[in-house]
Amino acid sequence: MKQNMGKSDKILRILAVIAIAVLYVADVISGTLALILGIVAIAFVITSLVGFCPLYLPLKLSTKKPSV
C-alpha cells in the first residue's frame, strides 16, 4: 500500500474530525447525521494515520509530494 496523502491533506482531514467532534459535543448534530459524520470522521482518522486514501486509487490522485 503506497502512501498517497500529503501533509496538508492529513492536516485538513484531522481538522475536519475536530470540527465534527465539536459539533457533536455542542449538540449541534445528532441522530442519523451524527452517525454518518462519525463514520466519516473515523475514516478520516484512519486514512490520515496510514497516509493512504483508497478513494484516490481509481482517480489516480496523490497529494503526496514526490521524493527527491
N, C-alpha and C. Protein backbone atom coordinates (compact mmCIF):
# COMPACT_ATOMS: atom_id res chain seq x y z
N MET A 1 0.85 -1.17 0.00
CA MET A 1 0.00 0.00 0.00
C MET A 1 0.90 1.24 0.00
N LYS A 2 0.97 1.90 -1.11
CA LYS A 2 1.80 3.08 -1.26
C LYS A 2 1.05 4.31 -0.74
N GLN A 3 1.72 5.12 0.05
CA GLN A 3 1.08 6.33 0.58
C GLN A 3 0.75 7.29 -0.56
N ASN A 4 -0.42 7.91 -0.47
CA ASN A 4 -0.84 8.85 -1.50
C ASN A 4 -1.43 10.13 -0.91
N MET A 5 -1.15 10.38 0.37
CA MET A 5 -1.67 11.57 1.04
C MET A 5 -0.52 12.44 1.53
N GLY A 6 -0.59 13.72 1.18
CA GLY A 6 0.42 14.65 1.63
C GLY A 6 0.09 15.20 3.01
N LYS A 7 1.03 15.98 3.53
CA LYS A 7 0.89 16.53 4.88
C LYS A 7 -0.34 17.44 4.99
N SER A 8 -0.55 18.31 4.01
CA SER A 8 -1.69 19.23 4.08
C SER A 8 -3.02 18.48 4.02
N ASP A 9 -3.08 17.41 3.25
CA ASP A 9 -4.28 16.59 3.17
C ASP A 9 -4.59 15.96 4.53
N LYS A 10 -3.56 15.44 5.19
CA LYS A 10 -3.73 14.84 6.51
C LYS A 10 -4.20 15.88 7.52
N ILE A 11 -3.61 17.06 7.48
CA ILE A 11 -3.99 18.12 8.42
C ILE A 11 -5.44 18.54 8.21
N LEU A 12 -5.86 18.70 6.96
CA LEU A 12 -7.24 19.08 6.68
C LEU A 12 -8.23 18.02 7.17
N ARG A 13 -7.87 16.77 7.02
CA ARG A 13 -8.76 15.70 7.48
C ARG A 13 -8.87 15.69 9.01
N ILE A 14 -7.76 15.90 9.68
CA ILE A 14 -7.79 15.94 11.15
C ILE A 14 -8.59 17.15 11.63
N LEU A 15 -8.45 18.29 10.95
CA LEU A 15 -9.25 19.47 11.31
C LEU A 15 -10.74 19.20 11.10
N ALA A 16 -11.09 18.47 10.05
CA ALA A 16 -12.48 18.11 9.82
C ALA A 16 -13.00 17.20 10.94
N VAL A 17 -12.16 16.27 11.39
CA VAL A 17 -12.54 15.39 12.50
C VAL A 17 -12.79 16.20 13.77
N ILE A 18 -11.91 17.16 14.03
CA ILE A 18 -12.08 18.01 15.21
C ILE A 18 -13.37 18.81 15.11
N ALA A 19 -13.66 19.34 13.92
CA ALA A 19 -14.90 20.12 13.73
C ALA A 19 -16.13 19.23 13.96
N ILE A 20 -16.11 18.02 13.43
CA ILE A 20 -17.23 17.10 13.63
C ILE A 20 -17.40 16.78 15.12
N ALA A 21 -16.29 16.55 15.82
CA ALA A 21 -16.36 16.25 17.25
C ALA A 21 -16.93 17.43 18.03
N VAL A 22 -16.50 18.63 17.70
CA VAL A 22 -17.02 19.83 18.39
C VAL A 22 -18.51 19.99 18.14
N LEU A 23 -18.95 19.79 16.90
CA LEU A 23 -20.37 19.90 16.59
C LEU A 23 -21.19 18.86 17.35
N TYR A 24 -20.64 17.65 17.50
CA TYR A 24 -21.34 16.60 18.22
C TYR A 24 -21.42 16.92 19.71
N VAL A 25 -20.30 17.34 20.29
CA VAL A 25 -20.27 17.64 21.73
C VAL A 25 -21.15 18.84 22.05
N ALA A 26 -21.20 19.82 21.14
CA ALA A 26 -22.03 21.00 21.34
C ALA A 26 -23.50 20.72 21.04
N ASP A 27 -23.82 19.48 20.68
CA ASP A 27 -25.18 19.04 20.38
C ASP A 27 -25.79 19.79 19.20
N VAL A 28 -24.94 20.16 18.25
CA VAL A 28 -25.42 20.81 17.03
C VAL A 28 -25.88 19.74 16.04
N ILE A 29 -25.20 18.60 16.04
CA ILE A 29 -25.61 17.48 15.19
C ILE A 29 -26.02 16.32 16.08
N SER A 30 -26.99 15.56 15.61
CA SER A 30 -27.44 14.39 16.36
C SER A 30 -28.13 13.43 15.40
N GLY A 31 -28.49 12.28 15.90
CA GLY A 31 -29.23 11.31 15.11
C GLY A 31 -28.43 10.74 13.95
N THR A 32 -29.12 10.59 12.83
CA THR A 32 -28.52 9.98 11.64
C THR A 32 -27.35 10.79 11.12
N LEU A 33 -27.47 12.10 11.12
CA LEU A 33 -26.38 12.95 10.64
C LEU A 33 -25.13 12.76 11.49
N ALA A 34 -25.30 12.69 12.80
CA ALA A 34 -24.16 12.48 13.69
C ALA A 34 -23.52 11.12 13.44
N LEU A 35 -24.33 10.11 13.19
CA LEU A 35 -23.81 8.78 12.91
C LEU A 35 -23.00 8.76 11.60
N ILE A 36 -23.55 9.36 10.57
CA ILE A 36 -22.86 9.40 9.28
C ILE A 36 -21.56 10.19 9.39
N LEU A 37 -21.61 11.35 10.02
CA LEU A 37 -20.40 12.16 10.18
C LEU A 37 -19.39 11.48 11.10
N GLY A 38 -19.86 10.72 12.05
CA GLY A 38 -18.97 9.96 12.92
C GLY A 38 -18.21 8.90 12.14
N ILE A 39 -18.90 8.22 11.25
CA ILE A 39 -18.25 7.22 10.39
C ILE A 39 -17.23 7.88 9.48
N VAL A 40 -17.58 9.03 8.91
CA VAL A 40 -16.65 9.78 8.07
C VAL A 40 -15.43 10.20 8.89
N ALA A 41 -15.66 10.65 10.11
CA ALA A 41 -14.55 11.08 10.97
C ALA A 41 -13.61 9.92 11.27
N ILE A 42 -14.17 8.75 11.55
CA ILE A 42 -13.33 7.57 11.81
C ILE A 42 -12.50 7.23 10.58
N ALA A 43 -13.13 7.28 9.41
CA ALA A 43 -12.40 7.00 8.16
C ALA A 43 -11.29 8.02 7.95
N PHE A 44 -11.57 9.29 8.24
CA PHE A 44 -10.56 10.35 8.08
C PHE A 44 -9.37 10.12 9.02
N VAL A 45 -9.64 9.72 10.25
CA VAL A 45 -8.55 9.47 11.21
C VAL A 45 -7.69 8.31 10.73
N ILE A 46 -8.33 7.23 10.31
CA ILE A 46 -7.57 6.05 9.87
C ILE A 46 -6.74 6.38 8.64
N THR A 47 -7.34 7.03 7.64
CA THR A 47 -6.59 7.34 6.42
C THR A 47 -5.47 8.33 6.71
N SER A 48 -5.68 9.25 7.63
CA SER A 48 -4.63 10.20 7.98
C SER A 48 -3.46 9.52 8.67
N LEU A 49 -3.74 8.59 9.55
CA LEU A 49 -2.68 7.88 10.25
C LEU A 49 -1.89 6.96 9.31
N VAL A 50 -2.59 6.32 8.39
CA VAL A 50 -1.95 5.39 7.46
C VAL A 50 -1.29 6.14 6.30
N GLY A 51 -1.86 7.29 5.92
CA GLY A 51 -1.32 8.05 4.80
C GLY A 51 -1.78 7.54 3.45
N PHE A 52 -2.86 6.78 3.45
CA PHE A 52 -3.36 6.18 2.22
C PHE A 52 -4.87 6.37 2.15
N CYS A 53 -5.35 6.88 1.02
CA CYS A 53 -6.78 7.05 0.79
C CYS A 53 -7.20 6.15 -0.36
N PRO A 54 -8.03 5.13 -0.10
CA PRO A 54 -8.43 4.21 -1.15
C PRO A 54 -9.25 4.87 -2.27
N LEU A 55 -9.93 5.97 -1.96
CA LEU A 55 -10.71 6.65 -2.99
C LEU A 55 -9.83 7.35 -4.03
N TYR A 56 -8.58 7.60 -3.68
CA TYR A 56 -7.66 8.23 -4.62
C TYR A 56 -7.18 7.25 -5.70
N LEU A 57 -7.22 5.94 -5.41
CA LEU A 57 -6.71 4.94 -6.35
C LEU A 57 -7.41 4.96 -7.71
N PRO A 58 -8.74 4.81 -7.76
CA PRO A 58 -9.40 4.78 -9.07
C PRO A 58 -9.26 6.10 -9.83
N LEU A 59 -9.08 7.19 -9.09
CA LEU A 59 -8.94 8.50 -9.72
C LEU A 59 -7.49 8.82 -10.06
N LYS A 60 -6.58 7.93 -9.63
CA LYS A 60 -5.13 8.11 -9.84
C LYS A 60 -4.65 9.45 -9.30
N LEU A 61 -5.12 9.78 -8.09
CA LEU A 61 -4.73 11.02 -7.42
C LEU A 61 -3.70 10.74 -6.35
N SER A 62 -2.90 11.75 -6.07
CA SER A 62 -1.96 11.70 -4.97
C SER A 62 -1.65 13.13 -4.54
N THR A 63 -1.76 13.39 -3.26
CA THR A 63 -1.44 14.72 -2.75
C THR A 63 -0.05 14.73 -2.11
N LYS A 64 0.60 13.58 -2.15
CA LYS A 64 1.93 13.46 -1.57
C LYS A 64 2.97 13.96 -2.57
N LYS A 65 3.90 14.78 -2.07
CA LYS A 65 4.96 15.27 -2.93
C LYS A 65 5.93 14.14 -3.25
N PRO A 66 6.40 14.08 -4.49
CA PRO A 66 7.35 13.01 -4.83
C PRO A 66 8.67 13.17 -4.09
N SER A 67 9.26 12.03 -3.73
CA SER A 67 10.56 12.05 -3.04
C SER A 67 11.65 12.47 -4.01
N VAL A 68 12.60 13.21 -3.49
CA VAL A 68 13.71 13.67 -4.34
C VAL A 68 14.89 12.76 -4.22
